[in-house]
PDB file of all heavy atoms in Angstrom:
ATOM      1  N   SER A   1       0.793  -1.210   0.051  1.00  0.00           N
ATOM      2  CA  SER A   1      -0.037   0.010   0.004  1.00  0.00           C
ATOM      3  C   SER A   1       0.886   1.247  -0.067  1.00  0.00           C
ATOM      4  O   SER A   1       2.042   1.196   0.168  1.00  0.00           O
ATOM      5  CB  SER A   1      -0.880   0.046   1.245  1.00  0.00           C
ATOM      6  OG  SER A   1      -0.061   0.062   2.361  1.00  0.00           O
ATOM      7  N   ASP A   2       0.325   2.425  -0.254  1.00  0.00           N
ATOM      8  CA  ASP A   2       1.063   3.662  -0.354  1.00  0.00           C
ATOM      9  C   ASP A   2       1.748   3.829   1.155  1.00  0.00           C
ATOM     10  O   ASP A   2       2.868   4.258   1.137  1.00  0.00           O
ATOM     11  CB  ASP A   2       0.087   4.811  -0.658  1.00  0.00           C
ATOM     12  CG  ASP A   2      -0.154   4.822  -2.168  1.00  0.00           C
ATOM     13  OD1 ASP A   2       0.513   4.090  -2.923  1.00  0.00           O
ATOM     14  OD2 ASP A   2      -1.188   5.479  -2.500  1.00  0.00           O
ATOM     15  N   ALA A   3       0.904   3.627   2.130  1.00  0.00           N
ATOM     16  CA  ALA A   3       1.355   3.828   3.509  1.00  0.00           C
ATOM     17  C   ALA A   3       2.496   2.903   3.829  1.00  0.00           C
ATOM     18  O   ALA A   3       3.565   3.307   4.395  1.00  0.00           O
ATOM     19  CB  ALA A   3       0.188   3.628   4.508  1.00  0.00           C
ATOM     20  N   ASP A   4       2.532   1.585   3.450  1.00  0.00           N
ATOM     21  CA  ASP A   4       3.478   0.684   3.722  1.00  0.00           C
ATOM     22  C   ASP A   4       4.731   0.963   2.938  1.00  0.00           C
ATOM     23  O   ASP A   4       5.871   0.862   3.325  1.00  0.00           O
ATOM     24  CB  ASP A   4       3.088  -0.760   3.459  1.00  0.00           C
ATOM     25  CG  ASP A   4       2.125  -1.316   4.522  1.00  0.00           C
ATOM     26  OD1 ASP A   4       2.065  -0.677   5.602  1.00  0.00           O
ATOM     27  OD2 ASP A   4       1.493  -2.348   4.351  1.00  0.00           O
ATOM     28  N   PHE A   5       4.529   1.449   1.641  1.00  0.00           N
ATOM     29  CA  PHE A   5       5.660   1.835   0.878  1.00  0.00           C
ATOM     30  C   PHE A   5       6.436   2.925   1.475  1.00  0.00           C
ATOM     31  O   PHE A   5       7.736   2.940   1.495  1.00  0.00           O
ATOM     32  CB  PHE A   5       5.237   2.158  -0.512  1.00  0.00           C
ATOM     33  CG  PHE A   5       6.328   2.217  -1.472  1.00  0.00           C
ATOM     34  CD1 PHE A   5       6.717   1.088  -2.281  1.00  0.00           C
ATOM     35  CD2 PHE A   5       7.081   3.369  -1.682  1.00  0.00           C
ATOM     36  CE1 PHE A   5       7.674   1.184  -3.174  1.00  0.00           C
ATOM     37  CE2 PHE A   5       8.259   3.450  -2.586  1.00  0.00           C
ATOM     38  CZ  PHE A   5       8.440   2.335  -3.369  1.00  0.00           C
ATOM     39  N   ILE A   6       5.739   3.905   2.059  1.00  0.00           N
ATOM     40  CA  ILE A   6       6.570   5.056   2.806  1.00  0.00           C
ATOM     41  C   ILE A   6       7.111   4.571   3.946  1.00  0.00           C
ATOM     42  O   ILE A   6       8.338   4.745   4.356  1.00  0.00           O
ATOM     43  CB  ILE A   6       5.428   6.110   3.047  1.00  0.00           C
ATOM     44  CG1 ILE A   6       4.922   6.752   1.696  1.00  0.00           C
ATOM     45  CG2 ILE A   6       6.119   7.100   4.015  1.00  0.00           C
ATOM     46  CD1 ILE A   6       3.830   7.794   1.896  1.00  0.00           C
ATOM     47  N   ARG A   7       6.358   3.698   4.745  1.00  0.00           N
ATOM     48  CA  ARG A   7       6.867   3.189   6.048  1.00  0.00           C
ATOM     49  C   ARG A   7       8.157   2.431   5.839  1.00  0.00           C
ATOM     50  O   ARG A   7       9.232   2.486   6.633  1.00  0.00           O
ATOM     51  CB  ARG A   7       5.868   2.306   6.760  1.00  0.00           C
ATOM     52  CG  ARG A   7       6.383   1.674   8.124  1.00  0.00           C
ATOM     53  CD  ARG A   7       5.263   0.838   8.705  1.00  0.00           C
ATOM     54  NE  ARG A   7       4.148   1.538   9.174  1.00  0.00           N
ATOM     55  CZ  ARG A   7       4.020   2.090  10.375  1.00  0.00           C
ATOM     56  NH1 ARG A   7       5.017   1.925  11.276  1.00  0.00           N
ATOM     57  NH2 ARG A   7       2.955   2.761  10.727  1.00  0.00           N
ATOM     58  N   TYR A   8       8.233   1.585   4.927  1.00  0.00           N
ATOM     59  CA  TYR A   8       9.421   0.622   4.788  1.00  0.00           C
ATOM     60  C   TYR A   8      10.243   1.059   3.572  1.00  0.00           C
ATOM     61  O   TYR A   8      11.072   0.253   3.003  1.00  0.00           O
ATOM     62  CB  TYR A   8       8.917  -0.804   4.423  1.00  0.00           C
ATOM     63  CG  TYR A   8       7.985  -1.317   5.571  1.00  0.00           C
ATOM     64  CD1 TYR A   8       6.664  -1.670   5.308  1.00  0.00           C
ATOM     65  CD2 TYR A   8       8.393  -1.499   6.802  1.00  0.00           C
ATOM     66  CE1 TYR A   8       5.759  -2.065   6.211  1.00  0.00           C
ATOM     67  CE2 TYR A   8       7.551  -1.872   7.870  1.00  0.00           C
ATOM     68  CZ  TYR A   8       6.216  -2.221   7.488  1.00  0.00           C
ATOM     69  OH  TYR A   8       5.448  -2.691   8.535  1.00  0.00           O
ATOM     70  N   SER A   9      10.291   2.284   3.215  1.00  0.00           N
ATOM     71  CA  SER A   9      10.964   2.805   1.950  1.00  0.00           C
ATOM     72  C   SER A   9      12.390   2.556   2.035  1.00  0.00           C
ATOM     73  O   SER A   9      13.038   2.249   1.052  1.00  0.00           O
ATOM     74  CB  SER A   9      10.633   4.327   1.789  1.00  0.00           C
ATOM     75  OG  SER A   9      11.016   5.027   2.833  1.00  0.00           O
ATOM     76  N   ARG A  10      13.014   2.774   3.332  1.00  0.00           N
ATOM     77  CA  ARG A  10      14.491   2.535   3.365  1.00  0.00           C
ATOM     78  C   ARG A  10      14.900   1.150   3.103  1.00  0.00           C
ATOM     79  O   ARG A  10      16.015   0.850   2.640  1.00  0.00           O
ATOM     80  CB  ARG A  10      14.988   3.048   4.714  1.00  0.00           C
ATOM     81  CG  ARG A  10      14.755   4.436   5.007  1.00  0.00           C
ATOM     82  CD  ARG A  10      15.377   5.471   4.027  1.00  0.00           C
ATOM     83  NE  ARG A  10      15.248   6.812   4.324  1.00  0.00           N
ATOM     84  CZ  ARG A  10      14.245   7.573   4.026  1.00  0.00           C
ATOM     85  NH1 ARG A  10      13.192   7.136   3.264  1.00  0.00           N
ATOM     86  NH2 ARG A  10      14.182   8.851   4.380  1.00  0.00           N
ATOM     87  N   GLN A  11      14.029   0.146   3.513  1.00  0.00           N
ATOM     88  CA  GLN A  11      14.310  -1.276   3.233  1.00  0.00           C
ATOM     89  C   GLN A  11      14.086  -1.542   1.785  1.00  0.00           C
ATOM     90  O   GLN A  11      14.842  -2.308   1.096  1.00  0.00           O
ATOM     91  CB  GLN A  11      13.427  -2.195   4.145  1.00  0.00           C
ATOM     92  CG  GLN A  11      13.735  -1.994   5.644  1.00  0.00           C
ATOM     93  CD  GLN A  11      12.865  -2.847   6.488  1.00  0.00           C
ATOM     94  OE1 GLN A  11      12.970  -2.861   7.734  1.00  0.00           O
ATOM     95  NE2 GLN A  11      11.926  -3.581   5.989  1.00  0.00           N
ATOM     96  N   VAL A  12      12.994  -1.123   1.241  1.00  0.00           N
ATOM     97  CA  VAL A  12      12.476  -1.385  -0.241  1.00  0.00           C
ATOM     98  C   VAL A  12      13.542  -0.886  -1.084  1.00  0.00           C
ATOM     99  O   VAL A  12      13.750  -1.349  -2.176  1.00  0.00           O
ATOM    100  CB  VAL A  12      11.245  -0.716  -0.500  1.00  0.00           C
ATOM    101  CG1 VAL A  12      10.814  -0.898  -1.982  1.00  0.00           C
ATOM    102  CG2 VAL A  12      10.102  -1.405   0.441  1.00  0.00           C
ATOM    103  N   LEU A  13      14.288   0.315  -0.713  1.00  0.00           N
ATOM    104  CA  LEU A  13      15.337   0.805  -1.637  1.00  0.00           C
ATOM    105  C   LEU A  13      16.456  -0.168  -1.797  1.00  0.00           C
ATOM    106  O   LEU A  13      17.211  -0.148  -2.884  1.00  0.00           O
ATOM    107  CB  LEU A  13      15.870   2.059  -1.028  1.00  0.00           C
ATOM    108  CG  LEU A  13      15.068   3.354  -1.141  1.00  0.00           C
ATOM    109  CD1 LEU A  13      15.609   4.532  -0.404  1.00  0.00           C
ATOM    110  CD2 LEU A  13      14.917   3.705  -2.651  1.00  0.00           C
ATOM    111  N   LEU A  14      16.737  -1.084  -0.929  1.00  0.00           N
ATOM    112  CA  LEU A  14      17.712  -2.123  -1.063  1.00  0.00           C
ATOM    113  C   LEU A  14      17.417  -3.003  -2.160  1.00  0.00           C
ATOM    114  O   LEU A  14      16.284  -3.648  -2.098  1.00  0.00           O
ATOM    115  CB  LEU A  14      17.978  -2.846   0.282  1.00  0.00           C
ATOM    116  CG  LEU A  14      18.564  -2.018   1.436  1.00  0.00           C
ATOM    117  CD1 LEU A  14      18.430  -2.763   2.744  1.00  0.00           C
ATOM    118  CD2 LEU A  14      20.003  -1.638   1.139  1.00  0.00           C
ATOM    119  N   PRO A  15      18.292  -3.304  -3.041  1.00  0.00           N
ATOM    120  CA  PRO A  15      17.923  -4.186  -4.203  1.00  0.00           C
ATOM    121  C   PRO A  15      17.681  -5.709  -3.634  1.00  0.00           C
ATOM    122  O   PRO A  15      16.999  -6.473  -4.298  1.00  0.00           O
ATOM    123  CB  PRO A  15      19.189  -4.127  -5.118  1.00  0.00           C
ATOM    124  CG  PRO A  15      20.234  -3.561  -4.213  1.00  0.00           C
ATOM    125  CD  PRO A  15      19.593  -2.671  -3.373  1.00  0.00           C
ATOM    126  N   GLU A  16      18.349  -5.993  -2.523  1.00  0.00           N
ATOM    127  CA  GLU A  16      18.241  -7.310  -1.941  1.00  0.00           C
ATOM    128  C   GLU A  16      16.812  -7.480  -1.234  1.00  0.00           C
ATOM    129  O   GLU A  16      16.444  -8.535  -0.870  1.00  0.00           O
ATOM    130  CB  GLU A  16      19.232  -7.596  -0.888  1.00  0.00           C
ATOM    131  CG  GLU A  16      20.646  -7.686  -1.368  1.00  0.00           C
ATOM    132  CD  GLU A  16      21.389  -6.390  -1.638  1.00  0.00           C
ATOM    133  OE1 GLU A  16      20.769  -5.366  -1.387  1.00  0.00           O
ATOM    134  OE2 GLU A  16      22.485  -6.333  -2.116  1.00  0.00           O
ATOM    135  N   VAL A  17      16.025  -6.372  -1.143  1.00  0.00           N
ATOM    136  CA  VAL A  17      14.728  -6.431  -0.516  1.00  0.00           C
ATOM    137  C   VAL A  17      13.640  -6.126  -1.547  1.00  0.00           C
ATOM    138  O   VAL A  17      13.015  -7.045  -2.044  1.00  0.00           O
ATOM    139  CB  VAL A  17      14.543  -5.459   0.677  1.00  0.00           C
ATOM    140  CG1 VAL A  17      13.226  -5.572   1.361  1.00  0.00           C
ATOM    141  CG2 VAL A  17      15.658  -5.730   1.815  1.00  0.00           C
ATOM    142  N   GLY A  18      13.644  -4.889  -1.978  1.00  0.00           N
ATOM    143  CA  GLY A  18      12.579  -4.495  -2.921  1.00  0.00           C
ATOM    144  C   GLY A  18      11.217  -4.683  -2.438  1.00  0.00           C
ATOM    145  O   GLY A  18      10.957  -5.030  -1.220  1.00  0.00           O
ATOM    146  N   GLU A  19      10.294  -4.402  -3.234  1.00  0.00           N
ATOM    147  CA  GLU A  19       8.830  -4.559  -2.883  1.00  0.00           C
ATOM    148  C   GLU A  19       8.508  -6.064  -2.694  1.00  0.00           C
ATOM    149  O   GLU A  19       7.824  -6.347  -1.675  1.00  0.00           O
ATOM    150  CB  GLU A  19       7.877  -3.938  -3.957  1.00  0.00           C
ATOM    151  CG  GLU A  19       6.439  -3.962  -3.429  1.00  0.00           C
ATOM    152  CD  GLU A  19       5.592  -3.179  -4.443  1.00  0.00           C
ATOM    153  OE1 GLU A  19       5.959  -2.726  -5.500  1.00  0.00           O
ATOM    154  OE2 GLU A  19       4.354  -3.048  -4.064  1.00  0.00           O
ATOM    155  N   ALA A  20       9.040  -6.888  -3.497  1.00  0.00           N
ATOM    156  CA  ALA A  20       8.678  -8.368  -3.335  1.00  0.00           C
ATOM    157  C   ALA A  20       9.253  -8.823  -2.132  1.00  0.00           C
ATOM    158  O   ALA A  20       8.688  -9.667  -1.456  1.00  0.00           O
ATOM    159  CB  ALA A  20       9.376  -9.084  -4.509  1.00  0.00           C
ATOM    160  N   GLY A  21      10.524  -8.421  -1.628  1.00  0.00           N
ATOM    161  CA  GLY A  21      11.077  -8.871  -0.490  1.00  0.00           C
ATOM    162  C   GLY A  21      10.347  -8.363   0.820  1.00  0.00           C
ATOM    163  O   GLY A  21      10.210  -9.090   1.787  1.00  0.00           O
ATOM    164  N   GLN A  22       9.789  -7.137   0.667  1.00  0.00           N
ATOM    165  CA  GLN A  22       8.965  -6.643   1.860  1.00  0.00           C
ATOM    166  C   GLN A  22       7.680  -7.289   2.016  1.00  0.00           C
ATOM    167  O   GLN A  22       7.201  -7.605   3.065  1.00  0.00           O
ATOM    168  CB  GLN A  22       8.799  -5.067   1.586  1.00  0.00           C
ATOM    169  CG  GLN A  22       8.097  -4.397   2.819  1.00  0.00           C
ATOM    170  CD  GLN A  22       9.096  -4.352   3.957  1.00  0.00           C
ATOM    171  OE1 GLN A  22      10.287  -4.005   3.808  1.00  0.00           O
ATOM    172  NE2 GLN A  22       8.656  -4.840   5.160  1.00  0.00           N
ATOM    173  N   LEU A  23       7.132  -7.795   0.937  1.00  0.00           N
ATOM    174  CA  LEU A  23       5.869  -8.577   0.986  1.00  0.00           C
ATOM    175  C   LEU A  23       6.186  -9.927   1.436  1.00  0.00           C
ATOM    176  O   LEU A  23       5.421 -10.575   2.255  1.00  0.00           O
ATOM    177  CB  LEU A  23       5.306  -8.696  -0.379  1.00  0.00           C
ATOM    178  CG  LEU A  23       4.554  -7.419  -0.944  1.00  0.00           C
ATOM    179  CD1 LEU A  23       4.397  -7.474  -2.559  1.00  0.00           C
ATOM    180  CD2 LEU A  23       3.315  -7.014  -0.203  1.00  0.00           C
ATOM    181  N   GLN A  24       7.386 -10.422   1.261  1.00  0.00           N
ATOM    182  CA  GLN A  24       7.819 -11.741   1.772  1.00  0.00           C
ATOM    183  C   GLN A  24       7.945 -11.709   3.287  1.00  0.00           C
ATOM    184  O   GLN A  24       7.604 -12.558   3.936  1.00  0.00           O
ATOM    185  CB  GLN A  24       9.189 -12.035   1.172  1.00  0.00           C
ATOM    186  CG  GLN A  24       9.600 -13.617   1.408  1.00  0.00           C
ATOM    187  CD  GLN A  24      10.687 -13.779   0.287  1.00  0.00           C
ATOM    188  OE1 GLN A  24      10.457 -14.139  -0.868  1.00  0.00           O
ATOM    189  NE2 GLN A  24      11.915 -13.853   0.857  1.00  0.00           N
ATOM    190  N   LEU A  25       8.475 -10.509   3.780  1.00  0.00           N
ATOM    191  CA  LEU A  25       8.504 -10.375   5.188  1.00  0.00           C
ATOM    192  C   LEU A  25       7.137 -10.326   5.860  1.00  0.00           C
ATOM    193  O   LEU A  25       6.988 -10.804   6.968  1.00  0.00           O
ATOM    194  CB  LEU A  25       9.288  -9.126   5.627  1.00  0.00           C
ATOM    195  CG  LEU A  25      10.851  -9.045   5.214  1.00  0.00           C
ATOM    196  CD1 LEU A  25      11.365  -7.666   5.565  1.00  0.00           C
ATOM    197  CD2 LEU A  25      11.560 -10.157   5.891  1.00  0.00           C
ATOM    198  N   ALA A  26       6.240  -9.582   5.192  1.00  0.00           N
ATOM    199  CA  ALA A  26       4.959  -9.576   5.716  1.00  0.00           C
ATOM    200  C   ALA A  26       4.254 -10.909   5.777  1.00  0.00           C
ATOM    201  O   ALA A  26       3.249 -11.160   6.609  1.00  0.00           O
ATOM    202  CB  ALA A  26       4.065  -8.697   4.800  1.00  0.00           C
ATOM    203  N   ASP A  27       4.581 -11.908   5.023  1.00  0.00           N
ATOM    204  CA  ASP A  27       4.068 -13.163   5.030  1.00  0.00           C
ATOM    205  C   ASP A  27       4.791 -14.055   5.983  1.00  0.00           C
ATOM    206  O   ASP A  27       4.344 -15.282   6.401  1.00  0.00           O
ATOM    207  CB  ASP A  27       4.213 -13.869   3.550  1.00  0.00           C
ATOM    208  CG  ASP A  27       3.109 -13.416   2.697  1.00  0.00           C
ATOM    209  OD1 ASP A  27       2.198 -12.822   3.069  1.00  0.00           O
ATOM    210  OD2 ASP A  27       3.435 -13.525   1.341  1.00  0.00           O
ATOM    211  N   ALA A  28       5.897 -13.729   6.605  1.00  0.00           N
ATOM    212  CA  ALA A  28       6.795 -14.511   7.343  1.00  0.00           C
ATOM    213  C   ALA A  28       6.286 -14.636   8.803  1.00  0.00           C
ATOM    214  O   ALA A  28       5.570 -13.753   9.225  1.00  0.00           O
ATOM    215  CB  ALA A  28       8.165 -13.991   7.317  1.00  0.00           C
ATOM    216  N   GLY A  29       6.641 -15.683   9.425  1.00  0.00           N
ATOM    217  CA  GLY A  29       6.444 -15.867  10.842  1.00  0.00           C
ATOM    218  C   GLY A  29       7.706 -16.212  11.608  1.00  0.00           C
ATOM    219  O   GLY A  29       8.604 -16.928  11.121  1.00  0.00           O
ATOM    220  N   VAL A  30       7.843 -15.608  12.846  1.00  0.00           N
ATOM    221  CA  VAL A  30       9.112 -15.858  13.589  1.00  0.00           C
ATOM    222  C   VAL A  30       8.638 -16.106  15.145  1.00  0.00           C
ATOM    223  O   VAL A  30       7.811 -15.324  15.728  1.00  0.00           O
ATOM    224  CB  VAL A  30       9.972 -14.561  13.598  1.00  0.00           C
ATOM    225  CG1 VAL A  30      11.182 -14.823  14.523  1.00  0.00           C
ATOM    226  CG2 VAL A  30      10.451 -14.279  12.198  1.00  0.00           C
ATOM    227  N   ALA A  31       9.179 -17.151  15.674  1.00  0.00           N
ATOM    228  CA  ALA A  31       9.015 -17.488  17.005  1.00  0.00           C
ATOM    229  C   ALA A  31      10.223 -16.975  17.883  1.00  0.00           C
ATOM    230  O   ALA A  31      11.462 -17.270  17.404  1.00  0.00           O
ATOM    231  CB  ALA A  31       8.795 -18.934  17.263  1.00  0.00           C
ATOM    232  N   ILE A  32      10.035 -16.168  18.850  1.00  0.00           N
ATOM    233  CA  ILE A  32      11.139 -15.741  19.729  1.00  0.00           C
ATOM    234  C   ILE A  32      10.986 -16.292  21.099  1.00  0.00           C
ATOM    235  O   ILE A  32       9.932 -16.111  21.794  1.00  0.00           O
ATOM    236  CB  ILE A  32      11.105 -14.150  19.755  1.00  0.00           C
ATOM    237  CG1 ILE A  32      11.190 -13.421  18.454  1.00  0.00           C
ATOM    238  CG2 ILE A  32      12.238 -13.605  20.721  1.00  0.00           C
ATOM    239  CD1 ILE A  32      11.127 -12.044  18.406  1.00  0.00           C
ATOM    240  N   ILE A  33      11.900 -17.090  21.505  1.00  0.00           N
ATOM    241  CA  ILE A  33      11.920 -17.713  22.718  1.00  0.00           C
ATOM    242  C   ILE A  33      12.900 -17.070  23.664  1.00  0.00           C
ATOM    243  O   ILE A  33      14.073 -17.088  23.468  1.00  0.00           O
ATOM    244  CB  ILE A  33      12.284 -19.255  22.602  1.00  0.00           C
ATOM    245  CG1 ILE A  33      11.383 -19.928  21.497  1.00  0.00           C
ATOM    246  CG2 ILE A  33      12.095 -19.961  23.911  1.00  0.00           C
ATOM    247  CD1 ILE A  33      11.772 -21.312  21.199  1.00  0.00           C
ATOM    248  N   GLY A  34      12.275 -16.361  24.805  1.00  0.00           N
ATOM    249  CA  GLY A  34      13.069 -15.654  25.645  1.00  0.00           C
ATOM    250  C   GLY A  34      12.974 -14.182  25.365  1.00  0.00           C
ATOM    251  O   GLY A  34      13.265 -13.680  24.258  1.00  0.00           O
ATOM    252  N   LEU A  35      12.251 -13.398  26.201  1.00  0.00           N
ATOM    253  CA  LEU A  35      12.067 -12.055  26.040  1.00  0.00           C
ATOM    254  C   LEU A  35      12.804 -11.051  26.994  1.00  0.00           C
ATOM    255  O   LEU A  35      12.338 -10.082  27.434  1.00  0.00           O
ATOM    256  CB  LEU A  35      10.496 -11.751  26.097  1.00  0.00           C
ATOM    257  CG  LEU A  35       9.493 -11.823  24.886  1.00  0.00           C
ATOM    258  CD1 LEU A  35      10.044 -10.730  23.804  1.00  0.00           C
ATOM    259  CD2 LEU A  35       9.661 -13.174  24.340  1.00  0.00           C
ATOM    260  N   GLY A  36      14.027 -11.465  27.194  1.00  0.00           N
ATOM    261  CA  GLY A  36      14.957 -10.779  28.016  1.00  0.00           C
ATOM    262  C   GLY A  36      15.740  -9.770  27.194  1.00  0.00           C
ATOM    263  O   GLY A  36      15.143  -9.156  26.308  1.00  0.00           O
ATOM    264  N   GLY A  37      17.011  -9.540  27.489  1.00  0.00           N
ATOM    265  CA  GLY A  37      17.823  -8.543  26.782  1.00  0.00           C
ATOM    266  C   GLY A  37      17.844  -8.711  25.322  1.00  0.00           C
ATOM    267  O   GLY A  37      17.756  -7.801  24.544  1.00  0.00           O
ATOM    268  N   LEU A  38      18.051  -9.945  24.833  1.00  0.00           N
ATOM    269  CA  LEU A  38      18.019 -10.188  23.462  1.00  0.00           C
ATOM    270  C   LEU A  38      16.698 -10.227  22.839  1.00  0.00           C
ATOM    271  O   LEU A  38      16.451  -9.565  21.769  1.00  0.00           O
ATOM    272  CB  LEU A  38      18.714 -11.592  23.189  1.00  0.00           C
ATOM    273  CG  LEU A  38      20.189 -11.774  23.626  1.00  0.00           C
ATOM    274  CD1 LEU A  38      20.629 -13.225  23.415  1.00  0.00           C
ATOM    275  CD2 LEU A  38      21.131 -10.885  22.743  1.00  0.00           C
ATOM    276  N   GLY A  39      15.820 -11.013  23.371  1.00  0.00           N
ATOM    277  CA  GLY A  39      14.459 -11.150  22.758  1.00  0.00           C
ATOM    278  C   GLY A  39      13.617  -9.919  22.625  1.00  0.00           C
ATOM    279  O   GLY A  39      12.902  -9.742  21.573  1.00  0.00           O
ATOM    280  N   GLN A  40      13.604  -9.108  23.654  1.00  0.00           N
ATOM    281  CA  GLN A  40      12.628  -7.968  23.577  1.00  0.00           C
ATOM    282  C   GLN A  40      13.227  -7.049  22.456  1.00  0.00           C
ATOM    283  O   GLN A  40      12.421  -6.292  21.995  1.00  0.00           O
ATOM    284  CB  GLN A  40      12.648  -7.288  25.014  1.00  0.00           C
ATOM    285  CG  GLN A  40      13.947  -6.935  25.759  1.00  0.00           C
ATOM    286  CD  GLN A  40      14.487  -5.614  25.093  1.00  0.00           C
ATOM    287  OE1 GLN A  40      13.804  -4.636  24.778  1.00  0.00           O
ATOM    288  NE2 GLN A  40      15.834  -5.432  25.123  1.00  0.00           N
ATOM    289  N   LEU A  41      14.549  -6.857  22.331  1.00  0.00           N
ATOM    290  CA  LEU A  41      14.987  -5.962  21.255  1.00  0.00           C
ATOM    291  C   LEU A  41      14.769  -6.554  19.831  1.00  0.00           C
ATOM    292  O   LEU A  41      14.343  -5.918  18.920  1.00  0.00           O
ATOM    293  CB  LEU A  41      16.442  -5.703  21.566  1.00  0.00           C
ATOM    294  CG  LEU A  41      17.125  -4.614  20.543  1.00  0.00           C
ATOM    295  CD1 LEU A  41      16.351  -3.418  20.568  1.00  0.00           C
ATOM    296  CD2 LEU A  41      18.534  -4.360  20.973  1.00  0.00           C
ATOM    297  N   ALA A  42      15.127  -7.837  19.795  1.00  0.00           N
ATOM    298  CA  ALA A  42      14.822  -8.560  18.488  1.00  0.00           C
ATOM    299  C   ALA A  42      13.359  -8.453  18.113  1.00  0.00           C
ATOM    300  O   ALA A  42      13.107  -8.235  16.937  1.00  0.00           O
ATOM    301  CB  ALA A  42      15.264  -9.973  18.520  1.00  0.00           C
ATOM    302  N   ALA A  43      12.404  -8.620  18.968  1.00  0.00           N
ATOM    303  CA  ALA A  43      11.048  -8.537  18.678  1.00  0.00           C
ATOM    304  C   ALA A  43      10.710  -7.075  18.135  1.00  0.00           C
ATOM    305  O   ALA A  43       9.881  -7.010  17.147  1.00  0.00           O
ATOM    306  CB  ALA A  43      10.278  -8.815  19.944  1.00  0.00           C
ATOM    307  N   GLN A  44      11.394  -6.044  18.687  1.00  0.00           N
ATOM    308  CA  GLN A  44      11.002  -4.721  18.235  1.00  0.00           C
ATOM    309  C   GLN A  44      11.558  -4.609  16.839  1.00  0.00           C
ATOM    310  O   GLN A  44      10.886  -4.066  15.888  1.00  0.00           O
ATOM    311  CB  GLN A  44      11.666  -3.621  19.206  1.00  0.00           C
ATOM    312  CG  GLN A  44      10.956  -3.678  20.543  1.00  0.00           C
ATOM    313  CD  GLN A  44      11.684  -2.736  21.451  1.00  0.00           C
ATOM    314  OE1 GLN A  44      11.568  -1.456  21.279  1.00  0.00           O
ATOM    315  NE2 GLN A  44      12.525  -3.241  22.466  1.00  0.00           N
ATOM    316  N   TYR A  45      12.810  -5.032  16.540  1.00  0.00           N
ATOM    317  CA  TYR A  45      13.294  -4.856  15.256  1.00  0.00           C
ATOM    318  C   TYR A  45      12.583  -5.568  14.233  1.00  0.00           C
ATOM    319  O   TYR A  45      12.284  -5.051  13.167  1.00  0.00           O
ATOM    320  CB  TYR A  45      14.757  -5.443  15.225  1.00  0.00           C
ATOM    321  CG  TYR A  45      15.866  -4.381  15.512  1.00  0.00           C
ATOM    322  CD1 TYR A  45      16.813  -4.635  16.599  1.00  0.00           C
ATOM    323  CD2 TYR A  45      16.061  -3.304  14.780  1.00  0.00           C
ATOM    324  CE1 TYR A  45      17.809  -3.739  16.868  1.00  0.00           C
ATOM    325  CE2 TYR A  45      17.052  -2.391  15.004  1.00  0.00           C
ATOM    326  CZ  TYR A  45      17.954  -2.615  16.113  1.00  0.00           C
ATOM    327  OH  TYR A  45      18.891  -1.693  16.316  1.00  0.00           O
TER     328      TYR A  45
END
């Protein structure tokens, strides 16, 4: 969407990501086990 293109524009600019890659991330799922120093920051990123 226009809003998402603006939000993720810095990532989409990377040829390794592009719009197709950003859509791929939107389809992805990640399990984070442990929400301490590592997990809480990784979850935000």
